[in-house]
Protein backbone atom coordinates (compact mmCIF):
# COMPACT_ATOMS: atom_id res chain seq x y z
CA MET A 1 36.56 67.01 -51.06
CA LEU A 2 38.42 63.69 -51.02
CA ILE A 3 40.80 63.58 -53.99
CA GLY A 4 42.08 60.21 -55.20
CA LEU A 5 45.58 60.28 -56.68
CA LEU A 6 47.58 57.90 -58.84
CA SER A 7 50.66 58.30 -61.02
CA ASP A 8 53.25 56.44 -63.08
CA ALA A 9 51.38 53.33 -64.20
CA HIS A 10 53.57 53.02 -67.33
CA SER A 11 51.01 51.08 -69.40
CA ASP A 12 50.24 48.63 -66.59
CA VAL A 13 46.51 48.15 -67.11
CA LEU A 14 46.10 46.01 -64.01
CA ALA A 15 47.82 48.66 -61.89
CA VAL A 16 45.42 51.35 -63.09
CA HIS A 17 42.42 49.09 -62.53
CA ARG A 18 43.50 48.17 -59.00
CA ALA A 19 44.28 51.75 -58.01
CA LEU A 20 40.94 53.02 -59.28
CA GLU A 21 39.12 50.23 -57.45
CA GLU A 22 40.85 51.12 -54.19
CA LEU A 23 40.21 54.83 -54.61
CA ASP A 24 36.54 54.15 -55.25
CA ARG A 25 36.37 51.80 -52.25
CA HIS A 26 37.80 54.54 -50.03
CA GLY A 27 35.20 57.04 -51.23
CA ALA A 28 37.19 59.38 -53.49
CA ASP A 29 34.99 62.20 -54.79
CA MET A 30 37.24 62.71 -57.80
CA VAL A 31 40.43 61.13 -59.13
CA ILE A 32 43.46 62.84 -60.63
CA ALA A 33 45.94 60.81 -62.68
CA LEU A 34 49.28 62.62 -62.47
CA GLY A 35 50.90 61.47 -65.71
CA ASP A 36 53.02 58.66 -67.13
CA MET A 37 49.97 56.48 -67.37
CA LEU A 38 51.59 55.08 -70.52
CA GLU A 39 55.12 53.85 -71.21
CA CYS A 40 56.94 55.18 -74.28
CA HIS A 41 58.96 52.59 -76.24
CA VAL A 42 60.71 55.20 -78.39
CA PRO A 43 64.35 55.82 -77.32
CA ARG A 44 64.98 59.05 -75.45
CA ASP A 45 67.47 60.20 -78.08
CA GLY A 46 64.87 60.12 -80.80
CA GLY A 47 63.43 57.64 -83.24
CA ASP A 48 61.14 57.35 -86.22
CA TRP A 49 58.43 59.99 -86.40
CA GLY A 50 54.91 59.13 -87.51
CA ILE A 51 55.10 55.59 -86.16
CA PRO A 52 51.97 53.64 -85.19
CA LEU A 53 50.67 54.11 -81.66
CA THR A 54 51.04 50.38 -81.00
CA VAL A 55 54.77 50.64 -81.72
CA ALA A 56 55.31 53.72 -79.57
CA THR A 57 53.48 52.36 -76.51
CA SER A 58 51.41 49.46 -75.17
CA TRP A 59 47.81 49.11 -74.00
CA ALA A 60 46.99 52.74 -74.73
CA GLN A 61 43.31 52.20 -75.47
CA GLN A 62 42.78 49.97 -72.44
CA VAL A 63 44.45 52.46 -70.08
CA ALA A 64 42.62 55.40 -71.64
CA ASP A 65 39.26 53.62 -71.30
CA LEU A 66 39.86 53.07 -67.58
CA LEU A 67 40.65 56.76 -67.08
CA THR A 68 37.62 58.29 -68.80
CA GLU A 69 36.10 59.40 -65.46
CA THR A 70 39.37 60.82 -64.06
CA HIS A 71 41.07 64.19 -64.44
CA VAL A 72 44.17 63.25 -66.42
CA LEU A 73 47.47 65.16 -66.54
CA ARG A 74 50.27 64.38 -68.94
CA GLY A 75 53.77 63.26 -68.01
CA ASN A 76 57.03 62.95 -69.89
CA GLN A 77 56.00 59.55 -71.31
CA GLU A 78 52.87 60.98 -72.92
CA GLU A 79 54.86 63.91 -74.30
CA ARG A 80 57.37 61.56 -75.95
CA ILE A 81 54.60 59.38 -77.38
CA ILE A 82 52.63 62.25 -78.93
CA GLN A 83 55.79 63.51 -80.64
CA ALA A 84 56.57 60.12 -82.14
CA ILE A 85 53.26 58.79 -83.41
CA ASP A 86 50.98 59.18 -86.39
CA ARG A 87 48.21 61.22 -84.76
CA ALA A 88 45.64 60.84 -87.52
CA SER A 89 43.88 57.75 -86.18
CA LEU A 90 43.79 58.32 -82.42
CA SER A 91 40.59 57.46 -80.59
CA VAL A 92 38.88 60.16 -78.55
CA GLU A 93 39.97 58.48 -75.31
CA VAL A 94 43.64 58.08 -76.27
CA ASN A 95 43.80 61.60 -77.70
CA ARG A 96 42.46 62.94 -74.39
CA LEU A 97 45.13 61.03 -72.48
CA LEU A 98 48.06 62.06 -74.69
CA ARG A 99 47.02 65.71 -75.02
CA ALA A 100 46.09 66.26 -71.38
CA GLU A 101 47.10 69.47 -69.66
CA SER A 102 50.41 69.54 -67.82
CA GLY A 103 49.09 70.85 -64.51
CA LEU A 104 46.02 71.64 -62.47
CA ASP A 105 45.46 74.27 -59.79
CA ARG A 106 42.68 73.82 -57.24
CA GLY A 107 42.83 76.62 -54.70
CA ASP A 108 46.23 76.51 -53.03
CA ILE A 109 47.00 73.00 -54.30
CA ARG A 110 49.03 72.43 -57.47
CA TYR A 111 48.94 69.05 -59.24
CA GLN A 112 51.45 68.06 -61.94
CA HIS A 113 53.61 65.15 -63.01
CA GLY A 114 56.98 66.53 -61.92
CA HIS A 115 59.29 65.99 -64.90
CA ARG A 116 59.61 69.74 -65.48
CA PHE A 117 60.97 70.37 -61.98
CA GLU A 118 64.63 70.68 -61.15
CA TRP A 119 65.44 68.02 -58.57
CA VAL A 120 67.88 68.01 -55.66
CA GLU A 121 69.14 65.19 -53.46
CA TRP A 122 68.26 66.44 -49.98
CA MET A 123 69.17 63.18 -48.22
CA PRO A 124 71.12 60.15 -49.48
CA ASP A 125 69.04 58.62 -52.28
CA ARG A 126 66.18 61.00 -51.49
CA TRP A 127 65.23 63.48 -54.21
CA ILE A 128 62.80 66.36 -54.05
CA PRO A 129 61.71 69.11 -56.46
CA ASP A 130 63.83 72.23 -56.04
CA ILE A 131 60.87 74.57 -55.70
CA ALA A 132 59.63 77.14 -53.21
CA VAL A 133 56.32 76.29 -51.55
CA ALA A 134 54.62 79.05 -49.59
CA PRO A 135 52.76 78.40 -46.33
CA GLU A 136 49.31 76.86 -46.91
CA HIS A 137 50.34 75.74 -50.39
CA ILE A 138 50.68 72.12 -51.49
CA VAL A 139 52.40 70.64 -54.55
CA VAL A 140 51.33 67.11 -55.52
CA HIS A 141 53.41 65.20 -58.07
CA GLY A 142 54.72 61.86 -59.32
CA HIS A 143 57.67 61.14 -61.69
CA HIS A 144 60.23 60.15 -59.06
CA HIS A 145 59.11 56.69 -57.98
CA ARG A 146 59.23 57.09 -54.21
CA ASN A 147 56.22 58.30 -52.27
CA SER A 148 56.70 60.91 -49.59
CA VAL A 149 55.18 63.82 -47.70
CA ILE A 150 57.63 66.67 -47.07
CA ALA A 151 56.91 69.83 -45.06
CA VAL A 152 58.62 72.97 -46.34
CA ASP A 153 59.50 76.00 -44.21
CA GLN A 154 61.05 79.04 -45.86
CA THR A 155 63.80 80.62 -43.77
CA ALA A 156 64.50 84.35 -43.47
CA THR A 157 67.42 83.92 -45.86
CA GLY A 158 65.25 82.30 -48.50
CA ASP A 159 66.50 78.76 -47.91
CA ARG A 160 64.25 75.78 -47.27
CA ASP A 161 63.96 73.72 -44.12
CA LEU A 162 62.54 70.30 -44.99
CA GLU A 163 60.91 67.74 -42.70
CA ASP A 164 59.95 64.23 -43.78
CA LEU A 165 56.39 63.56 -42.61
CA THR A 166 55.94 60.32 -44.58
CA ALA A 167 53.87 57.90 -42.49
CA ALA A 168 53.08 54.21 -42.69
CA SER A 169 50.68 53.10 -45.40
CA GLY A 170 47.11 54.04 -44.56
CA CYS A 171 48.03 56.55 -41.83
CA PRO A 172 46.78 60.12 -42.44
CA VAL A 173 49.25 63.00 -42.29
CA ILE A 174 47.91 66.40 -41.21
CA LEU A 175 49.10 69.25 -43.44
CA ASP A 176 49.70 72.24 -41.16
CA ARG A 177 48.53 75.44 -42.85
CA SER A 178 51.52 77.33 -41.46
CA ARG A 179 53.83 75.27 -43.69
CA GLY A 180 54.12 74.35 -47.35
CA HIS A 181 54.06 70.70 -48.41
CA ILE A 182 55.34 68.59 -51.29
CA ILE A 183 53.59 65.25 -51.81
CA ASN A 184 54.96 62.49 -54.04
CA VAL A 185 52.19 60.00 -54.76
CA GLY A 186 54.58 57.25 -55.90
CA PRO A 187 54.10 54.76 -58.76
CA ALA A 188 50.98 52.69 -59.41
CA GLN A 189 52.88 49.83 -61.03
CA THR A 190 51.89 46.44 -59.64
CA ASP A 191 55.32 45.34 -58.41
CA HIS A 192 55.30 48.26 -55.94
CA PRO A 193 51.86 49.89 -56.13
CA SER A 194 51.18 53.27 -54.57
CA TRP A 195 48.23 55.64 -54.55
CA ALA A 196 46.96 58.36 -52.23
CA LEU A 197 43.95 60.22 -50.86
CA LEU A 198 44.07 63.97 -50.23
CA ASP A 199 41.32 65.58 -48.17
CA ASP A 200 41.47 69.22 -49.22
CA GLU A 201 39.01 70.30 -46.50
CA LYS A 202 40.55 68.47 -43.53
CA ARG A 203 44.02 69.19 -44.99
CA SER A 204 45.30 65.66 -44.68
CA VAL A 205 46.90 63.14 -47.03
CA THR A 206 47.03 59.36 -46.73
CA LEU A 207 49.56 57.37 -48.74
CA HIS A 208 48.80 53.75 -49.56
CA TYR A 209 51.58 51.43 -50.71
CA ARG A 210 52.95 47.92 -50.39
CA GLN A 211 56.65 48.62 -50.35
CA ARG A 212 58.93 51.55 -51.07
CA ARG A 213 61.16 51.66 -54.05
CA PHE A 214 62.42 54.52 -56.12
CA ARG A 215 63.44 55.12 -59.68
CA ARG A 216 63.68 58.32 -61.59
């Protein structure tokens, strides 16, 4: 199956629309949105509780409407929004987006946003989840705004050997079953849009992006 992937749109309706159009054009059989589809306007250190949805975030209904045919996961932005708002008047679509599950397992592939991982800087300005990934297993995430494909080999001492397999935009990367892999889809925002296609039968992933930037 060809899985379309997008993440970290942060209330950018145009970004979501463009990513979904591209995924459909490339023949995605299903689409998974990996969280942070909305941007929370409530400060991280807290704020008023029971505030209107339109104060806590922007364009929630429009984004939610675009994602009705996708499998949605929640990110840290959705978690902050649902804590802050008056939940009594949410539409079905927005409620589905804000209360989405945190992760999805499909065979040996795990999908989640990534904010619950511990992160380590494995190269200068390059961050990766500090997790063990067994051979044949794949972890797909967003959160850290820099797309990448990393192969993971577990050493005899329990350490990890990492290899950057990230290819040019549109170039498939074969995911060797003898290794684990961590895939960062990157952000869908329109100033540096990213999205990806994962073929879970051919075991390949193709990143699509215009330019690389990163922000945590």
